[in-house]
Protein backbone atom coordinates (compact mmCIF):
# COMPACT_ATOMS: atom_id res chain seq x y z
CA MET A 1 15.67 124.43 -127.37
CA SER A 2 13.13 127.19 -126.93
CA GLU A 3 13.06 129.63 -124.03
CA THR A 4 9.94 127.88 -122.73
CA ALA A 5 11.96 124.71 -122.27
CA VAL A 6 13.01 125.84 -118.77
CA LYS A 7 11.08 127.21 -115.83
CA ALA A 8 11.97 129.07 -112.67
CA PRO A 9 13.26 126.85 -109.84
CA GLY A 10 10.83 126.19 -106.99
CA VAL A 11 7.72 126.82 -109.12
CA PRO A 12 5.67 123.67 -109.85
CA ASP A 13 5.31 123.06 -113.59
CA ALA A 14 1.67 123.34 -114.71
CA ASN A 15 2.26 120.66 -117.38
CA ARG A 16 4.04 118.17 -115.12
CA TRP A 17 1.26 115.55 -115.23
CA LYS A 18 1.09 115.74 -119.02
CA ALA A 19 4.87 115.39 -119.05
CA LEU A 20 4.58 112.26 -116.86
CA THR A 21 2.42 110.63 -119.57
CA PHE A 22 5.19 110.95 -122.17
CA ILE A 23 7.98 110.04 -119.73
CA ALA A 24 6.03 106.91 -118.69
CA LEU A 25 5.44 106.00 -122.35
CA ALA A 26 9.17 106.19 -123.07
CA GLN A 27 10.00 104.13 -119.96
CA LEU A 28 7.45 101.50 -121.02
CA MET A 29 9.09 101.28 -124.45
CA VAL A 30 12.58 100.74 -122.98
CA VAL A 31 11.41 98.13 -120.45
CA LEU A 32 9.28 96.34 -123.06
CA ASP A 33 12.26 96.08 -125.37
CA ALA A 34 14.24 94.21 -122.73
CA THR A 35 11.87 91.22 -123.00
CA ILE A 36 9.80 91.57 -126.19
CA VAL A 37 12.67 90.39 -128.41
CA ASN A 38 13.10 87.19 -126.35
CA ILE A 39 9.81 85.79 -127.64
CA ALA A 40 10.62 86.76 -131.25
CA LEU A 41 14.21 85.47 -131.20
CA PRO A 42 13.61 81.93 -132.57
CA SER A 43 11.76 83.32 -135.63
CA ALA A 44 14.33 86.08 -136.23
CA GLN A 45 17.18 83.59 -135.89
CA GLN A 46 15.69 81.34 -138.57
CA ASP A 47 14.93 84.19 -141.00
CA LEU A 48 18.36 85.83 -140.73
CA GLY A 49 20.41 82.63 -140.57
CA ILE A 50 21.91 83.40 -137.13
CA SER A 51 23.78 80.43 -135.67
CA ASP A 52 22.92 78.94 -132.28
CA GLY A 53 26.28 80.14 -130.99
CA ASN A 54 25.62 83.74 -132.02
CA ARG A 55 21.90 84.07 -131.18
CA GLN A 56 22.66 85.16 -127.60
CA TRP A 57 24.30 88.29 -129.07
CA VAL A 58 20.88 89.61 -130.13
CA ILE A 59 20.18 89.98 -126.38
CA THR A 60 23.76 90.58 -125.24
CA ALA A 61 24.53 93.41 -127.73
CA TYR A 62 21.64 95.41 -126.27
CA ALA A 63 22.55 94.61 -122.65
CA LEU A 64 26.23 95.51 -123.13
CA ALA A 65 25.54 98.86 -124.78
CA PHE A 66 22.74 99.77 -122.37
CA GLY A 67 24.55 98.71 -119.19
CA GLY A 68 27.94 100.06 -120.25
CA LEU A 69 26.74 103.51 -121.34
CA LEU A 70 24.19 104.28 -118.60
CA LEU A 71 26.50 106.35 -116.38
CA PHE A 72 27.73 108.25 -119.43
CA GLY A 73 24.10 108.81 -120.50
CA GLY A 74 23.19 110.15 -117.05
CA ARG A 75 26.11 112.57 -117.10
CA ILE A 76 25.18 113.74 -120.62
CA ALA A 77 21.65 114.47 -119.32
CA ASP A 78 23.10 116.62 -116.52
CA LEU A 79 25.46 118.40 -118.91
CA TRP A 80 23.36 118.81 -122.06
CA GLY A 81 19.92 119.14 -120.47
CA ARG A 82 17.50 116.37 -119.53
CA LYS A 83 14.76 117.30 -121.98
CA ARG A 84 17.15 117.56 -124.92
CA THR A 85 18.85 114.25 -124.00
CA PHE A 86 15.45 112.56 -123.54
CA VAL A 87 14.16 113.65 -126.96
CA ALA A 88 17.46 112.77 -128.70
CA GLY A 89 17.42 109.32 -127.05
CA LEU A 90 13.86 108.69 -128.23
CA ILE A 91 14.58 109.69 -131.83
CA GLY A 92 17.73 107.54 -131.89
CA PHE A 93 15.88 104.59 -130.36
CA ALA A 94 13.17 104.84 -133.03
CA GLY A 95 15.81 104.88 -135.79
CA ALA A 96 17.65 101.87 -134.30
CA SER A 97 14.33 99.98 -133.99
CA ALA A 98 13.54 100.66 -137.67
CA LEU A 99 16.99 99.31 -138.57
CA GLY A 100 16.39 96.16 -136.50
CA GLY A 101 12.97 95.55 -138.03
CA ALA A 102 14.41 95.93 -141.53
CA ALA A 103 17.48 93.76 -140.82
CA THR A 104 18.47 91.46 -143.69
CA ASN A 105 21.45 89.74 -142.03
CA GLU A 106 23.08 88.97 -138.68
CA ALA A 107 25.45 91.97 -138.66
CA MET A 108 22.62 94.44 -139.33
CA MET A 109 20.54 92.94 -136.50
CA LEU A 110 23.38 93.00 -133.96
CA GLY A 111 24.32 96.57 -134.92
CA ALA A 112 20.69 97.68 -134.51
CA ARG A 113 20.49 96.06 -131.08
CA ALA A 114 23.70 97.77 -129.92
CA LEU A 115 22.35 101.13 -131.15
CA GLN A 116 19.07 100.53 -129.32
CA GLY A 117 21.03 99.92 -126.12
CA ALA A 118 23.13 103.06 -126.61
CA PHE A 119 20.13 105.35 -127.15
CA GLY A 120 18.26 103.60 -124.33
CA ALA A 121 21.17 104.51 -122.05
CA LEU A 122 20.59 108.17 -123.00
CA LEU A 123 16.84 108.32 -122.47
CA ALA A 124 16.37 106.06 -119.38
CA PRO A 125 18.34 108.20 -116.86
CA ALA A 126 17.01 111.40 -118.48
CA ALA A 127 13.42 110.17 -117.92
CA LEU A 128 13.93 109.34 -114.23
CA SER A 129 15.86 112.55 -113.49
CA LEU A 130 13.12 114.64 -115.17
CA LEU A 131 10.66 113.15 -112.67
CA ALA A 132 13.05 113.90 -109.82
CA VAL A 133 13.29 117.61 -110.66
CA MET A 134 9.67 118.16 -111.84
CA PHE A 135 7.77 116.52 -108.96
CA THR A 136 8.94 118.11 -105.72
CA GLU A 137 5.86 118.04 -103.44
CA PRO A 138 5.95 114.79 -101.37
CA LYS A 139 2.43 113.51 -102.14
CA GLU A 140 2.67 114.35 -105.86
CA ARG A 141 6.15 112.83 -105.99
CA ALA A 142 4.84 109.62 -104.39
CA LYS A 143 2.03 109.39 -106.96
CA ALA A 144 4.32 110.12 -109.93
CA PHE A 145 6.94 107.59 -108.83
CA GLY A 146 4.17 105.07 -108.11
CA ILE A 147 3.12 105.20 -111.76
CA TYR A 148 6.74 105.10 -112.93
CA GLY A 149 7.60 102.22 -110.57
CA ALA A 150 4.62 100.16 -111.77
CA ILE A 151 5.73 100.59 -115.38
CA ALA A 152 9.37 99.82 -114.55
CA GLY A 153 8.36 96.66 -112.70
CA GLY A 154 5.52 95.39 -114.90
CA GLY A 155 6.69 96.45 -118.34
CA GLY A 156 8.99 93.46 -118.75
CA ALA A 157 6.11 91.03 -118.29
CA VAL A 158 3.96 93.05 -120.73
CA GLY A 159 6.80 92.51 -123.23
CA PHE A 160 6.19 88.75 -123.12
CA ILE A 161 2.50 89.26 -124.03
CA LEU A 162 3.14 91.80 -126.79
CA GLY A 163 6.07 89.78 -128.14
CA GLY A 164 3.93 86.64 -128.30
CA VAL A 165 0.99 88.38 -130.01
CA LEU A 166 3.16 90.18 -132.60
CA THR A 167 5.28 87.10 -133.39
CA GLU A 168 2.34 84.69 -133.60
CA TYR A 169 -0.12 86.85 -135.54
CA LEU A 170 2.07 89.30 -137.52
CA ASP A 171 5.85 88.86 -137.87
CA TRP A 172 8.90 89.05 -135.60
CA ARG A 173 9.90 92.32 -137.30
CA TRP A 174 6.95 94.04 -135.60
CA THR A 175 8.60 93.54 -132.21
CA PHE A 176 11.01 96.24 -133.47
CA PHE A 177 8.63 98.37 -135.52
CA VAL A 178 6.20 98.70 -132.58
CA ASN A 179 8.77 100.95 -130.84
CA ILE A 180 8.56 103.62 -133.57
CA PRO A 181 5.08 105.03 -132.77
CA PHE A 182 5.89 104.86 -129.01
CA ALA A 183 9.07 106.89 -129.56
CA ILE A 184 7.55 109.46 -131.96
CA ILE A 185 4.57 110.19 -129.68
CA ALA A 186 6.78 110.42 -126.57
CA ALA A 187 9.36 112.65 -128.31
CA ALA A 188 6.77 115.04 -129.77
CA GLY A 189 4.90 115.24 -126.47
CA ALA A 190 8.08 115.79 -124.47
CA TYR A 191 9.30 118.54 -126.83
CA TYR A 192 6.10 120.57 -126.47
CA VAL A 193 5.13 119.80 -122.86
CA ILE A 194 8.26 119.36 -120.71
CA ARG A 195 9.73 122.49 -119.15
CA GLU A 196 12.92 121.69 -117.30
CA PRO A 197 13.63 123.59 -114.04
CA ALA A 198 16.30 126.29 -114.46
CA GLY A 199 19.68 126.02 -112.76
CA GLY A 200 19.82 122.21 -112.60
CA ARG A 201 22.57 121.62 -115.18
CA ASN A 202 26.06 120.38 -114.40
CA ARG A 203 28.26 122.22 -116.88
CA SER A 204 31.58 120.87 -115.56
CA PRO A 205 33.88 119.44 -118.25
CA LEU A 206 33.36 115.77 -119.06
CA ASP A 207 35.51 113.30 -117.11
CA ILE A 208 36.99 111.38 -120.07
CA PRO A 209 39.08 108.86 -118.02
CA GLY A 210 35.96 108.14 -115.92
CA VAL A 211 33.86 107.65 -119.06
CA ILE A 212 36.36 105.17 -120.56
CA LEU A 213 36.88 103.20 -117.33
CA SER A 214 33.15 103.01 -116.49
CA ILE A 215 32.18 101.84 -119.99
CA LEU A 216 34.97 99.24 -120.14
CA GLY A 217 34.32 98.07 -116.56
CA LEU A 218 30.54 97.71 -116.90
CA VAL A 219 30.69 96.14 -120.39
CA THR A 220 33.31 93.64 -119.17
CA LEU A 221 31.21 92.79 -116.09
CA VAL A 222 27.99 92.24 -118.07
CA TYR A 223 29.86 90.21 -120.70
CA ALA A 224 31.53 88.10 -117.98
CA PHE A 225 28.14 87.06 -116.59
CA THR A 226 26.80 86.40 -120.09
CA ARG A 227 29.81 84.22 -120.91
CA ALA A 228 29.54 82.41 -117.56
CA GLU A 229 26.04 81.31 -118.56
CA SER A 230 27.22 79.76 -121.85
CA ASP A 231 30.80 78.62 -121.07
CA GLY A 232 30.71 78.00 -117.31
CA TRP A 233 32.04 79.85 -114.25
CA GLY A 234 35.35 78.00 -114.26
CA ASP A 235 36.23 78.86 -117.87
CA SER A 236 39.58 80.69 -117.96
CA THR A 237 38.25 83.49 -120.17
CA THR A 238 35.24 83.97 -117.89
CA VAL A 239 37.46 84.22 -114.81
CA GLY A 240 39.78 86.62 -116.66
CA LEU A 241 36.83 88.85 -117.57
CA PHE A 242 35.66 89.01 -113.94
CA VAL A 243 39.17 89.93 -112.79
CA ALA A 244 39.47 92.56 -115.52
CA SER A 245 36.09 94.10 -114.64
CA ALA A 246 37.07 94.28 -110.94
CA VAL A 247 40.37 96.02 -111.82
CA LEU A 248 38.67 98.47 -114.21
CA LEU A 249 35.88 99.36 -111.76
CA ALA A 250 38.38 99.76 -108.89
CA ALA A 251 40.44 102.09 -111.10
CA PHE A 252 37.22 103.98 -111.92
CA VAL A 253 36.49 104.54 -108.20
CA ILE A 254 40.06 105.76 -107.60
CA VAL A 255 39.83 108.19 -110.54
CA GLU A 256 36.42 109.47 -109.40
CA SER A 257 37.76 110.20 -105.92
CA ARG A 258 40.56 112.37 -107.33
CA VAL A 259 39.30 114.28 -110.38
CA LYS A 260 37.74 117.73 -110.03
CA ALA A 261 34.55 116.99 -112.02
CA PRO A 262 33.89 113.22 -111.75
CA LEU A 263 31.54 111.29 -114.03
CA LEU A 264 30.03 109.66 -110.92
CA PRO A 265 30.51 111.88 -107.86
CA LEU A 266 31.06 109.40 -105.03
CA ARG A 267 28.64 111.45 -102.89
CA VAL A 268 25.85 109.98 -105.06
CA ILE A 269 26.49 106.37 -103.98
CA THR A 270 28.06 106.78 -100.51
CA GLU A 271 24.92 108.36 -99.01
CA ARG A 272 23.49 105.35 -97.17
CA ASN A 273 19.88 105.67 -98.36
CA ARG A 274 20.72 105.89 -102.05
CA GLY A 275 23.39 103.19 -101.66
CA GLY A 276 20.82 100.95 -99.96
CA VAL A 277 18.38 101.49 -102.83
CA TYR A 278 20.92 100.66 -105.55
CA LEU A 279 22.08 97.50 -103.76
CA SER A 280 18.66 96.15 -102.66
CA LEU A 281 17.04 96.90 -106.02
CA GLY A 282 19.89 95.21 -107.90
CA LEU A 283 19.50 92.09 -105.73
CA ALA A 284 15.71 92.02 -106.24
CA ILE A 285 16.14 92.26 -110.02
CA ILE A 286 18.59 89.32 -109.92
CA ALA A 287 15.82 87.19 -108.39
CA MET A 288 13.06 88.51 -110.65
CA PHE A 289 14.80 88.17 -114.03
CA GLY A 290 15.73 84.57 -113.32
CA LEU A 291 12.09 83.79 -112.53
CA PHE A 292 10.85 85.33 -115.81
CA LEU A 293 13.14 82.94 -117.68
CA PHE A 294 12.17 79.80 -115.72
CA LEU A 295 8.43 80.40 -115.78
CA THR A 296 8.53 81.07 -119.53
CA TYR A 297 10.30 77.74 -120.15
CA TYR A 298 8.11 75.89 -117.64
CA LEU A 299 4.87 77.11 -119.20
CA GLN A 300 5.95 76.53 -122.82
CA ILE A 301 8.04 73.34 -122.58
CA VAL A 302 6.52 71.51 -119.61
CA LYS A 303 2.90 72.70 -119.82
CA GLY A 304 2.80 73.23 -123.61
CA TYR A 305 1.55 76.85 -123.56
CA SER A 306 1.75 78.92 -126.76
CA PRO A 307 3.79 82.19 -126.71
CA VAL A 308 0.58 84.24 -126.46
CA LYS A 309 -0.89 82.09 -123.67
CA THR A 310 2.45 82.28 -121.82
CA GLY A 311 2.37 86.07 -122.05
CA PHE A 312 -1.16 86.26 -120.67
CA ALA A 313 -0.18 83.90 -117.84
CA PHE A 314 2.05 86.71 -116.52
CA LEU A 315 -0.88 89.16 -116.27
CA PRO A 316 -1.66 88.49 -112.57
CA MET A 317 1.91 89.49 -111.70
CA ILE A 318 1.52 92.73 -113.66
CA GLY A 319 -1.79 93.38 -111.88
CA GLY A 320 -0.11 92.76 -108.52
CA MET A 321 2.67 95.20 -109.40
CA MET A 322 0.18 97.88 -110.42
CA VAL A 323 -1.78 97.49 -107.17
CA GLY A 324 1.37 97.34 -105.03
CA SER A 325 2.91 100.38 -106.67
CA THR A 326 -0.02 102.75 -107.34
CA GLN A 327 -2.26 101.79 -104.39
CA ILE A 328 -0.21 100.40 -101.48
CA GLY A 329 3.11 102.18 -102.13
CA THR A 330 1.67 105.54 -103.19
CA ARG A 331 -0.87 105.70 -100.34
CA LEU A 332 1.63 104.76 -97.63
CA MET A 333 4.78 106.51 -98.87
CA THR A 334 3.89 109.86 -97.29
CA ARG A 335 2.81 108.16 -94.05
CA VAL A 336 5.60 105.69 -93.23
CA PRO A 337 9.40 105.64 -93.75
CA PRO A 338 10.45 104.01 -97.07
CA ARG A 339 12.17 101.04 -95.36
CA PHE A 340 8.78 100.00 -93.93
CA LEU A 341 7.55 99.59 -97.51
CA MET A 342 10.69 98.24 -99.19
CA ALA A 343 11.74 95.55 -96.68
CA PRO A 344 8.21 94.05 -96.23
CA GLY A 345 7.67 94.36 -100.00
CA PHE A 346 10.74 92.25 -100.74
CA LEU A 347 9.65 89.72 -98.07
CA VAL A 348 6.17 89.39 -99.62
CA ALA A 349 7.87 88.83 -103.00
CA ALA A 350 10.08 86.18 -101.33
CA LEU A 351 6.92 84.47 -100.03
CA GLY A 352 5.58 84.40 -103.60
CA MET A 353 8.86 82.83 -104.75
CA LEU A 354 8.64 80.31 -101.90
CA ILE A 355 5.27 79.09 -103.23
CA LEU A 356 6.85 78.64 -106.67
CA THR A 357 9.51 76.30 -105.23
CA ARG A 358 6.64 73.73 -105.03
CA LEU A 359 6.44 73.51 -108.84
CA GLU A 360 6.13 69.98 -110.24
CA ILE A 361 5.25 68.62 -113.69
CA GLY A 362 1.66 68.12 -112.60
CA SER A 363 1.25 71.49 -110.83
CA THR A 364 -1.76 73.49 -111.99
CA TYR A 365 -1.61 77.17 -112.86
CA THR A 366 -4.27 78.16 -110.30
CA SER A 367 -2.88 76.15 -107.37
CA THR A 368 0.79 77.17 -107.52
CA ILE A 369 1.74 79.69 -110.22
CA LEU A 370 -1.16 82.13 -109.75
CA PRO A 371 -0.78 82.77 -105.98
CA GLY A 372 3.02 82.92 -106.33
CA MET A 373 2.79 85.49 -109.13
CA ILE A 374 0.24 87.66 -107.30
CA LEU A 375 2.36 87.83 -104.13
CA LEU A 376 5.53 88.45 -106.16
CA GLY A 377 3.85 91.30 -108.05
CA LEU A 378 2.36 92.89 -104.92
CA GLY A 379 5.66 92.74 -103.07
CA MET A 380 7.81 94.04 -105.93
CA GLY A 381 5.35 96.82 -106.79
CA THR A 382 5.21 97.99 -103.17
CA ALA A 383 9.02 98.02 -102.90
CA PHE A 384 9.76 99.48 -106.36
CA MET A 385 7.80 102.70 -105.88
CA PRO A 386 9.70 104.09 -102.85
CA ALA A 387 12.95 102.69 -104.32
CA MET A 388 12.53 104.72 -107.53
CA SER A 389 11.71 107.86 -105.56
CA LEU A 390 14.53 107.32 -103.06
CA SER A 391 17.13 106.76 -105.80
CA THR A 392 17.38 110.56 -106.13
CA HIS A 393 16.85 111.19 -102.39
CA GLY A 394 18.56 114.40 -101.26
CA VAL A 395 20.65 114.57 -104.42
CA GLU A 396 21.65 117.92 -105.86
CA PRO A 397 19.80 118.78 -109.12
CA ARG A 398 23.14 118.85 -110.99
CA ASP A 399 23.62 115.15 -110.04
CA ALA A 400 20.03 114.01 -110.75
CA GLY A 401 20.92 112.47 -114.12
CA VAL A 402 23.82 110.37 -112.87
CA ALA A 403 21.87 109.32 -109.73
CA SER A 404 19.05 108.17 -112.01
CA ALA A 405 21.59 106.33 -114.17
CA MET A 406 22.81 104.46 -111.08
CA VAL A 407 19.38 102.97 -110.35
CA ASN A 408 19.09 101.91 -114.01
CA THR A 409 22.62 100.47 -113.88
CA SER A 410 21.81 98.42 -110.76
CA GLN A 411 18.75 97.00 -112.56
CA GLN A 412 20.61 96.29 -115.82
CA VAL A 413 23.59 94.62 -114.14
CA GLY A 414 21.18 92.80 -111.79
CA GLY A 415 19.27 91.45 -114.81
CA ALA A 416 22.46 90.17 -116.44
CA ILE A 417 23.64 88.56 -113.18
CA GLY A 418 20.20 87.04 -112.50
CA THR A 419 19.88 85.45 -115.92
CA ALA A 420 23.41 84.00 -115.85
CA LEU A 421 23.64 83.01 -112.18
CA LEU A 422 20.21 81.39 -111.76
CA ASN A 423 20.32 79.75 -115.20
CA THR A 424 23.66 78.14 -114.33
CA ILE A 425 22.29 76.88 -110.98
CA ALA A 426 19.21 75.47 -112.74
CA ALA A 427 21.26 73.78 -115.49
CA SER A 428 23.63 72.17 -112.95
CA ALA A 429 20.73 70.83 -110.82
CA THR A 430 18.97 69.51 -113.94
CA THR A 431 22.10 67.64 -115.11
CA SER A 432 22.63 66.06 -111.66
CA TYR A 433 18.98 64.97 -111.44
CA ILE A 434 18.96 63.38 -114.90
CA LYS A 435 22.25 61.53 -114.25
CA GLY A 436 20.85 60.14 -111.02
CA HIS A 437 17.49 59.02 -112.44
CA ILE A 438 17.93 58.22 -116.15
CA GLY A 439 19.31 54.73 -115.39
CA GLY A 440 15.99 53.55 -114.01
CA ALA A 441 14.03 54.75 -117.06
CA GLY A 442 13.53 51.88 -119.50
CA SER A 443 11.26 53.18 -122.24
CA GLN A 444 11.65 56.34 -124.31
CA ALA A 445 8.52 57.80 -122.67
CA GLN A 446 10.03 57.27 -119.20
CA GLN A 447 13.29 58.91 -120.31
CA GLN A 448 11.38 61.93 -121.61
CA LEU A 449 9.56 62.12 -118.28
CA VAL A 450 12.89 62.09 -116.41
CA GLN A 451 14.16 64.87 -118.69
CA LEU A 452 11.10 67.04 -117.86
CA GLU A 453 11.34 66.22 -114.14
CA GLY A 454 15.01 67.21 -114.28
CA GLN A 455 14.15 70.59 -115.84
CA VAL A 456 11.52 71.35 -113.21
CA HIS A 457 13.93 70.22 -110.46
CA GLY A 458 16.50 72.67 -111.86
CA TYR A 459 13.96 75.53 -111.91
CA THR A 460 12.89 74.96 -108.29
CA ASN A 461 16.51 74.76 -107.11
CA ALA A 462 17.26 78.12 -108.71
CA ILE A 463 14.03 79.63 -107.31
CA TRP A 464 15.19 78.65 -103.79
CA PHE A 465 18.29 80.78 -104.40
CA ALA A 466 16.02 83.60 -105.59
CA VAL A 467 14.07 83.39 -102.30
CA GLY A 468 17.34 83.82 -100.39
CA ILE A 469 18.42 86.76 -102.57
CA LEU A 470 15.11 88.55 -101.88
CA VAL A 471 15.54 88.02 -98.13
CA VAL A 472 19.02 89.60 -98.42
CA ALA A 473 17.48 92.52 -100.39
CA ALA A 474 14.93 93.03 -97.58
CA THR A 475 17.75 92.97 -94.99
CA VAL A 476 19.76 95.57 -96.96
CA ALA A 477 16.70 97.83 -97.26
CA ALA A 478 15.91 97.56 -93.54
CA THR A 479 19.55 98.13 -92.51
CA PHE A 480 20.82 100.82 -94.88
CA ILE A 481 17.72 102.93 -95.46
CA ASN A 482 16.99 105.12 -92.45
CA THR A 483 15.32 108.20 -93.88
CA GLY A 484 11.91 109.13 -92.48
CA ARG A 485 8.71 109.66 -94.41
CA PRO A 486 8.75 112.64 -96.83
CA GLY A 487 7.90 115.89 -95.06
CA SER A 488 8.81 114.63 -91.57
CA THR A 489 11.72 116.99 -91.07
CA SER A 490 14.50 118.68 -93.02
CA VAL A 491 18.05 117.57 -93.44
CA THR A 492 21.09 119.17 -91.96
CA GLY A 493 24.62 119.52 -93.14
CA SER A 494 25.69 118.88 -96.69
CA ASP A 495 22.35 117.60 -97.94
CA GLU A 496 20.47 120.71 -96.83
CA GLY A 497 21.11 122.70 -99.97
CA ALA A 498 20.17 119.75 -102.10
CA ALA A 499 16.87 119.33 -100.28
CA GLU A 500 16.07 123.01 -100.64
CA GLU A 501 16.83 122.96 -104.38
CA LEU A 502 14.67 119.90 -104.92
CA ALA A 503 12.04 121.15 -102.46
CA VAL A 504 11.72 117.63 -101.04
CA PRO A 505 11.99 117.67 -97.24
CA VAL A 506 13.89 114.62 -95.98
CA ILE A 507 14.88 113.52 -92.52
CA ALA A 508 18.42 113.81 -91.15
CA HIS A 509 20.51 110.68 -91.40
């Protein structure tokens, strides 16, 4: 890395806004990839001869590698340098995407997806921690994290649109190949534009026991939720996996409290504001990911939408997120404490979900889905922006990578939990409804109607749970997060040095 790759601490980087463009592009690519493959999966499954039993692994292989390696990736960014880790992650992600697009069999596809997850776990925390150390003035930081938060929140829905267009008009392989230009442009731009602040590295030796326990614990947890979705919560293997993940993660916490240079310094998660962000954001993602799944099925199976039309149906939610994040959140972040944005934001999103509990077979898009999506987008966008910024609140620069990894981990694990938990609730409610009503259906047409009514009943039951989860997320945000607006006062005690190094004034807590 050239000498120009670092800059003096405390001096704003002249190229920071250019750097944001490439960081945002990389974040968009990672978030897109989490959903774009979903739309293409049926076509890829048929072409590669993947069985119904193994098709879930196209999604799961990515989720396991990404979720399991995030903390390790964040620590590598702190140790090796954020810019270097970011560029390496982008190049690796491009290579893995090329491999996936060129896949000729099941093993090649699953290997490519696992590699994508691994390199995504390198670049995602590096991207967020670069923002944390490059944007230090409160108003600029609010604007930068507003843009980043909008992409983090809305990118998944964009993936549905892009996935539908590429699959319908080109070929499923382009859902992989499309990542390559994203990655090359972002990597080249980052290499020439980003100048990392000096003195922010954590050169302590790597905590190998922590690495092993965190990877095993997180992979086991994500796999347990994935298996619960397919095999049921009472399955003995599923229960065993949950117990094993709890033991491994408990052992990880014990190790981290005792080693000299921990992989995850407990100071990162025990500070109440950051802890509140990780917990409330994880809960909100649980609710949101489940909704993506149900609305996609509702629009395609019940309403008969094409993949492309389904993707475009999500646009109002993306628009709401953009407005909530870049207009409401960014404008108010420097004026009010973050909890006054996050808690109301989650409640507005819950109100949007509440409208969607009224879904029926005959519901129209404009009467029910549209207002629900707009409110959900506005609420999530408003809450996401301060959450992203606060995830590195008062953290020392040497911990910025691992703090950034924690917010990504809470989202990734939240996504896995949301998909499994809400899908199981929906499936159970659907089965009960059909059993109770199928007897009165005489003709085949009436039986098909009962089947559809049962599916919609299942979706609305699960959405009610999502409403409750968002209310809990709002309560966590209002209770745990007590920092004032940026610039209100400086911290005291142990966080003081961290605030000075980051040049972000934060209130005492």
